[in-house]
Amino acid sequence: MQQGRTPTALILGEDTRSFLSVIRSLGKAGYDVHVVCYDRTSPALASRYIKIAKYYNYQAYSQAQWLVAVQQLIARYRYDVIIPCDERAIYPLWSVKDTLPANTQLAIANDRALDVLFDKWKTKQLALSCDVPVAKGKLVQLSDTHYDALAEEFGERFVIKPLQSFDENGLNKRQNVSIVHQASDFNQIPAGAEPVMVEAFFSGYGEGVSVFSVDGEIHMAFSHRREAEPKHGGGSSYRQSVAHDPAQLDAVMAMCKATHFTGVAMFEFRRDPQTQAWILVEVNARFWGSLPLACYCGVDFPAAYAHFLLTGERPVTPVLTYPVNRYARALTADFYQLRRDGIRDGLHRLIQYGRIGLGKERIDSFIWPIPCRLSKRLAAFFHKSHKVSAAVFPSYSNTAVCVPSSV
């Protein structure tokens, strides 16, 4: 990058968690931010930091067409750094990394880490070699087994995981983890040609350790705990910053060292509240859904990673401390969770919203002040959930997104 020139960044994604957090981080750091978004209606597109937005998705484009369109964009603007926020962009861009302009840095993990950490079975084997606790598991072909055999081995409740979140040849559809409670659950899971991983169910709550690492050495680390999560699996809508568990941090360091990991990742754990035993669940070797909480607490992973890619400079001292007992909430997901929880649990959750007024909590997609964008999100939620948004929020239902100067 030429001295004195404004650096440029291309960010690919669509959500209001990792995607929007990376946009904000690099925008505040002085980058000209361009984006490729899969969803033209994404609220993340309201960010004032976006200079140019393109809309390429796998519904309008084949995978080959999508990649050509992105390559043409890269050739035109010759970005300093490209940050894909999920596998839908990571896989295709990694396949053409050697054709990128010489001065363009691609924010994707190193080869060894990418091969291991994007495969759940290989991740489990790595964890075992580093003496990191994991759930009992094995590879199976679903077409060659049945519920009774698996229940006898793993218990009546167990977990079925595809080895990758996205199939490289089918990036238009996420492959979901399934928690099996009974035979009918198992029978609804399609038996594909690829093997899947079956694991014993580990009861408890979710935790995460997020890191920025270079050549296996951790330079930034942040820990959080899930305060709310769906009973049938999936991302958390409400998270709290917590102090590091030294044993978990040691486990993460060992796995980063073993893969010579360079990049950012979130190591997901699960802890039994009764025994305090924990296991590693999986690793997201890319920007992750709980990133807004880390940024809220001052652990700015995107800016640090981009700065390293452009200059080779790492934090002078490791960033391992931050405010604890801070909270972040994915608003729309939390509303759906409130509805599922029922009145008793829902009232407790509503009371927790008081932390916003105390300055201990932030909503992922909003930075104060939050004018009509919040109303638009609420209107969309109620329209989808109750079909009454036109009556309840008539002035916002057809209003364009407003962009507060602070976003």
Protein backbone atom coordinates (compact mmCIF):
# COMPACT_ATOMS: atom_id res chain seq x y z
CA MET A 1 0.00 0.00 0.00
CA GLN A 2 1.34 3.45 -0.93
CA GLN A 3 2.21 5.73 1.98
CA GLY A 4 -0.46 8.35 2.64
CA ARG A 5 -3.13 6.69 0.51
CA THR A 6 -6.46 5.72 2.08
CA PRO A 7 -6.53 1.91 2.32
CA THR A 8 -9.41 0.09 0.66
CA ALA A 9 -11.24 -2.98 1.90
CA LEU A 10 -13.76 -5.35 0.36
CA ILE A 11 -15.97 -7.10 2.93
CA LEU A 12 -18.28 -9.96 1.94
CA GLY A 13 -21.27 -11.07 4.04
CA GLU A 14 -24.79 -10.05 5.00
CA ASP A 15 -25.52 -10.21 8.73
CA THR A 16 -25.66 -7.54 11.44
CA ARG A 17 -23.13 -9.33 13.62
CA SER A 18 -19.81 -10.29 12.04
CA PHE A 19 -20.37 -8.51 8.70
CA LEU A 20 -21.55 -5.23 10.21
CA SER A 21 -18.89 -5.35 12.95
CA VAL A 22 -16.11 -5.69 10.38
CA ILE A 23 -17.60 -2.82 8.33
CA ARG A 24 -17.70 -0.56 11.39
CA SER A 25 -14.26 -1.54 12.59
CA LEU A 26 -12.50 -0.86 9.30
CA GLY A 27 -14.56 2.24 8.60
CA LYS A 28 -13.56 3.73 11.94
CA ALA A 29 -9.95 2.76 11.22
CA GLY A 30 -9.99 4.93 8.10
CA TYR A 31 -10.54 2.39 5.32
CA ASP A 32 -12.69 3.02 2.26
CA VAL A 33 -15.14 0.15 2.68
CA HIS A 34 -16.78 -1.64 -0.24
CA VAL A 35 -19.09 -4.61 0.35
CA VAL A 36 -20.54 -7.56 -1.48
CA CYS A 37 -23.80 -8.47 0.25
CA TYR A 38 -25.92 -11.56 -0.38
CA ASP A 39 -29.10 -9.81 0.78
CA ARG A 40 -30.18 -6.44 -0.62
CA THR A 41 -32.46 -5.90 2.40
CA SER A 42 -29.76 -6.45 5.05
CA PRO A 43 -29.86 -3.70 7.72
CA ALA A 44 -26.04 -3.78 7.70
CA LEU A 45 -26.18 -1.88 4.41
CA ALA A 46 -27.35 1.21 6.31
CA SER A 47 -23.86 1.73 7.75
CA ARG A 48 -22.45 5.13 6.86
CA TYR A 49 -19.01 3.55 6.42
CA ILE A 50 -19.98 1.77 3.19
CA LYS A 51 -18.76 3.60 0.09
CA ILE A 52 -19.90 1.09 -2.53
CA ALA A 53 -22.24 -1.91 -2.18
CA LYS A 54 -22.77 -4.74 -4.68
CA TYR A 55 -25.44 -7.43 -4.44
CA TYR A 56 -24.29 -10.83 -5.62
CA ASN A 57 -26.02 -13.92 -4.24
CA TYR A 58 -26.29 -17.60 -5.05
CA GLN A 59 -29.93 -17.31 -6.05
CA ALA A 60 -29.30 -14.93 -8.96
CA TYR A 61 -25.84 -16.31 -9.79
CA SER A 62 -24.32 -19.74 -10.12
CA GLN A 63 -21.22 -20.25 -8.00
CA ALA A 64 -19.01 -19.77 -11.06
CA GLN A 65 -20.86 -16.59 -12.06
CA TRP A 66 -20.66 -15.23 -8.52
CA LEU A 67 -16.90 -15.74 -8.43
CA VAL A 68 -16.39 -14.09 -11.82
CA ALA A 69 -18.41 -11.05 -10.69
CA VAL A 70 -16.33 -10.72 -7.52
CA GLN A 71 -13.07 -11.17 -9.43
CA GLN A 72 -14.08 -8.39 -11.81
CA LEU A 73 -14.77 -6.15 -8.83
CA ILE A 74 -11.36 -6.94 -7.34
CA ALA A 75 -9.59 -6.30 -10.66
CA ARG A 76 -11.30 -2.92 -10.98
CA TYR A 77 -10.63 -1.57 -7.47
CA ARG A 78 -7.49 -3.55 -6.54
CA TYR A 79 -8.36 -3.61 -2.85
CA ASP A 80 -5.69 -3.59 -0.17
CA VAL A 81 -7.52 -6.16 1.93
CA ILE A 82 -10.42 -8.56 1.29
CA ILE A 83 -12.35 -9.96 4.25
CA PRO A 84 -14.86 -12.77 3.58
CA CYS A 85 -17.07 -13.22 6.64
CA ASP A 86 -18.33 -16.75 5.98
CA GLU A 87 -17.69 -19.87 3.95
CA ARG A 88 -19.83 -18.71 1.03
CA ALA A 89 -17.04 -16.28 0.14
CA ILE A 90 -14.09 -17.99 1.84
CA TYR A 91 -14.16 -21.17 -0.26
CA PRO A 92 -14.38 -19.57 -3.72
CA LEU A 93 -11.89 -16.80 -2.94
CA TRP A 94 -9.40 -19.26 -1.50
CA SER A 95 -9.58 -21.25 -4.74
CA VAL A 96 -8.39 -18.21 -6.74
CA LYS A 97 -6.07 -16.62 -4.18
CA ASP A 98 -3.06 -16.95 -6.47
CA THR A 99 -4.76 -14.84 -9.14
CA LEU A 100 -5.44 -11.83 -6.88
CA PRO A 101 -3.51 -8.58 -7.45
CA ALA A 102 -0.03 -8.72 -5.93
CA ASN A 103 -0.75 -6.09 -3.27
CA THR A 104 -4.15 -7.48 -2.24
CA GLN A 105 -4.21 -9.28 1.12
CA LEU A 106 -6.83 -12.00 1.65
CA ALA A 107 -8.05 -12.37 5.25
CA ILE A 108 -8.30 -16.15 5.32
CA ALA A 109 -6.48 -18.58 7.63
CA ASN A 110 -3.29 -20.35 6.56
CA ASP A 111 -3.54 -23.60 4.58
CA ARG A 112 -2.90 -26.00 7.47
CA ALA A 113 -5.47 -24.33 9.72
CA LEU A 114 -8.01 -24.00 6.93
CA ASP A 115 -7.78 -27.70 6.12
CA VAL A 116 -8.20 -28.80 9.75
CA LEU A 117 -10.44 -26.21 11.39
CA PHE A 118 -13.06 -26.14 8.62
CA ASP A 119 -13.60 -29.87 9.06
CA LYS A 120 -15.30 -30.89 12.30
CA TRP A 121 -13.82 -34.39 12.37
CA LYS A 122 -10.27 -33.15 11.75
CA THR A 123 -10.82 -30.50 14.42
CA LYS A 124 -11.82 -33.22 16.89
CA GLN A 125 -8.70 -35.24 16.08
CA LEU A 126 -6.52 -32.15 16.52
CA ALA A 127 -8.16 -31.45 19.89
CA LEU A 128 -7.52 -35.01 21.06
CA SER A 129 -3.86 -34.75 20.02
CA CYS A 130 -3.59 -31.56 22.12
CA ASP A 131 -5.33 -33.20 25.14
CA VAL A 132 -8.36 -30.91 24.77
CA PRO A 133 -11.61 -32.46 26.06
CA VAL A 134 -14.23 -33.31 23.41
CA ALA A 135 -17.47 -35.28 23.32
CA LYS A 136 -17.39 -38.96 22.39
CA GLY A 137 -17.96 -39.24 18.65
CA LYS A 138 -17.41 -41.11 15.41
CA LEU A 139 -17.96 -40.84 11.66
CA VAL A 140 -20.96 -42.67 10.18
CA GLN A 141 -22.87 -43.00 6.94
CA LEU A 142 -26.47 -42.27 7.90
CA SER A 143 -27.70 -44.65 5.21
CA ASP A 144 -25.82 -47.49 6.92
CA THR A 145 -27.11 -47.02 10.46
CA HIS A 146 -30.32 -46.42 12.41
CA TYR A 147 -31.50 -44.61 15.52
CA ASP A 148 -31.53 -47.61 17.88
CA ALA A 149 -27.88 -48.46 17.20
CA LEU A 150 -26.74 -44.88 17.76
CA ALA A 151 -28.92 -44.43 20.85
CA GLU A 152 -27.44 -47.56 22.37
CA GLU A 153 -23.92 -46.21 21.85
CA PHE A 154 -24.44 -42.49 22.57
CA GLY A 155 -27.62 -42.31 24.63
CA GLU A 156 -31.15 -41.37 23.63
CA ARG A 157 -30.08 -37.79 22.91
CA PHE A 158 -27.14 -37.24 20.60
CA VAL A 159 -25.88 -34.77 17.98
CA ILE A 160 -25.40 -35.22 14.23
CA LYS A 161 -23.00 -32.80 12.57
CA PRO A 162 -22.13 -32.38 8.90
CA LEU A 163 -18.36 -32.10 8.60
CA GLN A 164 -18.59 -28.61 7.08
CA SER A 165 -21.14 -25.85 7.60
CA PHE A 166 -21.30 -25.36 3.82
CA ASP A 167 -20.63 -27.85 1.05
CA GLU A 168 -18.10 -26.28 -1.32
CA ASN A 169 -20.28 -27.37 -4.23
CA GLY A 170 -23.52 -26.10 -2.69
CA LEU A 171 -22.84 -22.70 -1.11
CA ASN A 172 -26.47 -21.60 -1.42
CA LYS A 173 -27.50 -23.78 1.52
CA ARG A 174 -26.13 -24.11 5.06
CA GLN A 175 -25.74 -27.63 6.46
CA ASN A 176 -27.19 -27.60 9.95
CA VAL A 177 -26.32 -29.49 13.10
CA SER A 178 -29.18 -31.65 14.42
CA ILE A 179 -29.87 -32.56 18.05
CA VAL A 180 -31.68 -35.92 18.03
CA HIS A 181 -34.10 -36.53 20.91
CA GLN A 182 -36.00 -39.49 19.51
CA ALA A 183 -36.30 -41.77 16.49
CA SER A 184 -38.62 -39.40 14.63
CA ASP A 185 -35.97 -36.66 14.77
CA PHE A 186 -33.39 -39.04 13.32
CA ASN A 187 -35.69 -40.18 10.53
CA GLN A 188 -36.18 -36.60 9.32
CA ILE A 189 -32.46 -36.12 8.62
CA PRO A 190 -31.65 -36.85 4.97
CA ALA A 191 -28.99 -39.51 4.44
CA GLY A 192 -26.53 -37.89 2.05
CA ALA A 193 -23.57 -39.40 0.27
CA GLU A 194 -21.04 -37.83 2.63
CA PRO A 195 -20.30 -39.15 6.14
CA VAL A 196 -21.41 -37.16 9.17
CA MET A 197 -20.11 -36.98 12.72
CA VAL A 198 -22.22 -38.34 15.57
CA GLU A 199 -21.44 -37.08 19.06
CA ALA A 200 -22.76 -37.71 22.54
CA PHE A 201 -24.89 -34.81 23.79
CA PHE A 202 -23.10 -32.68 26.39
CA SER A 203 -25.51 -30.73 28.59
CA GLY A 204 -24.56 -27.24 29.65
CA TYR A 205 -24.15 -23.69 28.38
CA GLY A 206 -22.01 -22.31 25.59
CA GLU A 207 -18.76 -20.41 26.00
CA GLY A 208 -16.28 -19.05 23.49
CA VAL A 209 -12.66 -17.97 23.28
CA SER A 210 -11.93 -15.69 20.33
CA VAL A 211 -8.39 -15.07 19.16
CA PHE A 212 -6.16 -13.31 16.67
CA SER A 213 -3.07 -15.42 16.11
CA VAL A 214 0.05 -15.18 13.94
CA ASP A 215 2.14 -18.29 13.25
CA GLY A 216 0.48 -20.04 16.19
CA GLU A 217 1.14 -17.22 18.68
CA ILE A 218 -1.94 -15.55 20.17
CA HIS A 219 -1.87 -11.74 20.18
CA MET A 220 -5.49 -11.03 21.16
CA ALA A 221 -7.98 -13.14 23.10
CA PHE A 222 -11.52 -12.58 24.36
CA SER A 223 -13.90 -14.88 26.24
CA HIS A 224 -17.67 -14.83 26.43
CA ARG A 225 -20.54 -16.92 27.78
CA ARG A 226 -23.90 -17.50 26.17
CA GLU A 227 -26.68 -16.08 28.33
CA ALA A 228 -29.40 -17.33 25.98
CA GLU A 229 -29.34 -20.00 23.30
CA PRO A 230 -31.93 -22.03 21.37
CA LYS A 231 -32.81 -25.37 22.97
CA HIS A 232 -32.41 -27.16 19.64
CA GLY A 233 -29.02 -25.64 18.81
CA GLY A 234 -27.88 -22.63 16.82
CA GLY A 235 -26.40 -19.24 17.54
CA SER A 236 -26.89 -17.30 20.75
CA SER A 237 -28.95 -14.12 20.86
CA TYR A 238 -27.49 -12.82 24.16
CA ARG A 239 -23.88 -12.99 25.36
CA GLN A 240 -21.74 -11.80 28.28
CA SER A 241 -18.03 -11.00 28.46
CA VAL A 242 -16.24 -13.11 31.07
CA ALA A 243 -12.70 -13.57 32.32
CA HIS A 244 -10.57 -16.19 30.61
CA ASP A 245 -10.64 -19.74 31.91
CA PRO A 246 -6.88 -20.48 32.01
CA ALA A 247 -7.41 -24.12 30.98
CA GLN A 248 -9.52 -23.13 27.97
CA LEU A 249 -6.99 -20.49 26.94
CA ASP A 250 -4.21 -23.08 27.20
CA ALA A 251 -6.25 -25.43 25.00
CA VAL A 252 -6.72 -22.73 22.38
CA MET A 253 -3.01 -21.86 22.47
CA ALA A 254 -2.09 -25.50 21.96
CA MET A 255 -4.37 -25.89 18.93
CA CYS A 256 -3.20 -22.62 17.39
CA LYS A 257 0.41 -23.68 17.84
CA ALA A 258 -0.25 -27.11 16.32
CA THR A 259 -1.73 -25.56 13.14
CA HIS A 260 0.67 -22.56 13.02
CA PHE A 261 -2.57 -20.63 12.97
CA THR A 262 -2.55 -17.19 11.37
CA GLY A 263 -5.90 -15.44 11.34
CA VAL A 264 -8.93 -14.96 13.57
CA ALA A 265 -11.09 -17.68 15.12
CA MET A 266 -13.65 -18.39 17.79
CA PHE A 267 -13.23 -21.63 19.73
CA GLU A 268 -16.63 -22.76 20.97
CA PHE A 269 -16.89 -24.68 24.25
CA ARG A 270 -19.69 -26.14 26.35
CA ARG A 271 -19.62 -26.24 30.16
CA ASP A 272 -21.61 -28.37 32.60
CA PRO A 273 -22.78 -25.93 35.32
CA GLN A 274 -22.90 -28.70 37.92
CA THR A 275 -19.44 -30.20 37.50
CA GLN A 276 -17.76 -27.27 35.70
CA ALA A 277 -16.37 -29.80 33.21
CA TRP A 278 -16.15 -28.49 29.65
CA ILE A 279 -15.55 -29.72 26.13
CA LEU A 280 -14.54 -28.14 22.83
CA VAL A 281 -17.52 -28.11 20.45
CA GLU A 282 -16.07 -26.63 17.26
CA VAL A 283 -13.89 -23.86 15.85
CA ASN A 284 -15.01 -21.04 13.57
CA ALA A 285 -11.79 -20.03 11.81
CA ARG A 286 -13.27 -16.78 10.51
CA PHE A 287 -15.18 -13.85 11.99
CA TRP A 288 -17.98 -15.09 14.22
CA GLY A 289 -21.48 -14.15 15.37
CA SER A 290 -20.51 -12.88 18.83
CA LEU A 291 -17.93 -10.43 17.39
CA PRO A 292 -20.02 -7.32 18.34
CA LEU A 293 -19.48 -8.10 22.04
CA ALA A 294 -15.70 -8.23 21.65
CA CYS A 295 -15.69 -4.94 19.74
CA TYR A 296 -17.97 -3.38 22.38
CA CYS A 297 -15.41 -4.38 25.02
CA GLY A 298 -12.58 -2.78 23.04
CA VAL A 299 -11.05 -5.95 21.59
CA ASP A 300 -11.06 -4.86 17.95
CA PHE A 301 -10.20 -8.03 16.07
CA PRO A 302 -11.03 -6.78 12.53
CA ALA A 303 -8.85 -3.66 12.71
CA ALA A 304 -5.94 -5.57 14.25
CA TYR A 305 -6.12 -8.35 11.65
CA ALA A 306 -6.36 -5.93 8.71
CA HIS A 307 -3.47 -3.84 10.06
CA PHE A 308 -1.32 -6.95 10.35
CA LEU A 309 -2.14 -8.04 6.80
CA LEU A 310 -1.14 -4.64 5.40
CA THR A 311 1.91 -3.87 7.55
CA GLY A 312 3.02 -7.13 9.16
CA GLU A 313 2.76 -5.36 12.53
CA ARG A 314 1.31 -7.21 15.52
CA PRO A 315 0.08 -5.75 18.82
CA VAL A 316 3.10 -4.65 20.84
CA THR A 317 1.79 -6.56 23.87
CA PRO A 318 -0.86 -9.31 23.81
CA VAL A 319 -4.40 -8.02 24.34
CA LEU A 320 -5.79 -10.39 26.95
CA THR A 321 -7.74 -8.10 29.31
CA TYR A 322 -11.02 -6.26 28.75
CA PRO A 323 -14.17 -5.27 30.70
CA VAL A 324 -16.13 -8.26 32.01
CA ASN A 325 -19.86 -8.41 32.71
CA ARG A 326 -20.71 -6.53 29.52
CA TYR A 327 -23.52 -7.83 27.34
CA ALA A 328 -24.49 -7.80 23.66
CA ARG A 329 -27.81 -8.81 22.15
CA ALA A 330 -28.90 -9.79 18.65
CA LEU A 331 -32.22 -7.96 18.80
CA THR A 332 -34.43 -9.75 16.26
CA ALA A 333 -33.10 -13.19 17.21
CA ASP A 334 -33.70 -12.33 20.85
CA PHE A 335 -37.33 -11.40 20.18
CA TYR A 336 -37.88 -14.79 18.55
CA GLN A 337 -36.19 -16.44 21.52
CA LEU A 338 -38.44 -14.50 23.92
CA ARG A 339 -41.49 -15.75 22.09
CA ARG A 340 -40.26 -19.37 22.26
CA ASP A 341 -39.34 -19.15 25.96
CA GLY A 342 -42.86 -18.48 27.19
CA ILE A 343 -44.16 -15.99 29.73
CA ARG A 344 -42.12 -17.00 32.79
CA ASP A 345 -38.70 -17.05 31.14
CA GLY A 346 -39.70 -14.22 28.83
CA LEU A 347 -40.38 -11.81 31.70
CA HIS A 348 -36.95 -12.51 33.16
CA ARG A 349 -35.39 -11.82 29.78
CA LEU A 350 -37.32 -8.57 29.36
CA ILE A 351 -36.03 -7.33 32.71
CA GLN A 352 -32.50 -7.90 31.43
CA TYR A 353 -33.06 -5.18 28.82
CA GLY A 354 -32.57 -2.73 31.71
CA ARG A 355 -28.82 -3.25 31.32
CA ILE A 356 -28.98 -1.10 28.19
CA GLY A 357 -29.92 1.91 30.29
CA LEU A 358 -27.12 1.14 32.74
CA GLY A 359 -24.54 1.25 29.96
CA LYS A 360 -23.61 -2.43 30.38
CA GLU A 361 -25.23 -3.73 27.23
CA ARG A 362 -25.27 -3.04 23.51
CA ILE A 363 -27.58 -4.25 20.76
CA ASP A 364 -25.46 -5.79 18.01
CA SER A 365 -26.82 -3.78 15.11
CA PHE A 366 -27.27 -0.38 16.78
CA ILE A 367 -25.07 2.33 18.20
CA TRP A 368 -26.79 5.16 20.01
CA PRO A 369 -28.68 7.17 18.91
CA ILE A 370 -30.94 4.67 17.16
CA PRO A 371 -33.70 6.40 15.19
CA CYS A 372 -35.96 4.84 12.60
CA ARG A 373 -33.68 1.88 11.77
CA LEU A 374 -34.72 0.30 15.08
CA SER A 375 -38.36 0.88 14.25
CA LYS A 376 -37.85 -0.69 10.84
CA ARG A 377 -36.30 -3.81 12.38
CA LEU A 378 -39.14 -4.04 14.91
CA ALA A 379 -41.73 -3.56 12.19
CA ALA A 380 -40.16 -6.31 10.09
CA PHE A 381 -40.16 -8.65 13.08
CA PHE A 382 -43.81 -8.06 13.94
CA HIS A 383 -44.84 -8.29 10.29
CA LYS A 384 -43.22 -11.71 9.98
CA SER A 385 -44.37 -12.92 13.39
CA HIS A 386 -47.86 -11.47 13.71
CA LYS A 387 -48.79 -9.97 10.32
CA VAL A 388 -49.77 -6.69 11.98
CA SER A 389 -46.84 -4.36 11.33
CA ALA A 390 -48.75 -2.25 8.81
CA ALA A 391 -51.27 -1.35 11.49
CA VAL A 392 -48.86 -1.01 14.39
CA PHE A 393 -46.03 0.83 12.63
CA PRO A 394 -47.70 2.47 9.60
CA SER A 395 -45.18 5.30 9.35
CA TYR A 396 -42.19 2.98 9.24
CA SER A 397 -43.35 0.03 7.19
CA ASN A 398 -42.66 1.81 3.90
CA THR A 399 -39.87 4.09 5.06
CA ALA A 400 -36.33 3.92 3.73
CA VAL A 401 -33.59 3.11 6.21
CA CYS A 402 -32.30 6.13 8.13
CA VAL A 403 -28.56 6.23 8.80
CA PRO A 404 -27.53 7.82 12.10
CA SER A 405 -24.22 9.66 11.93
CA SER A 406 -22.77 7.45 14.67
CA VAL A 407 -23.29 4.14 12.87
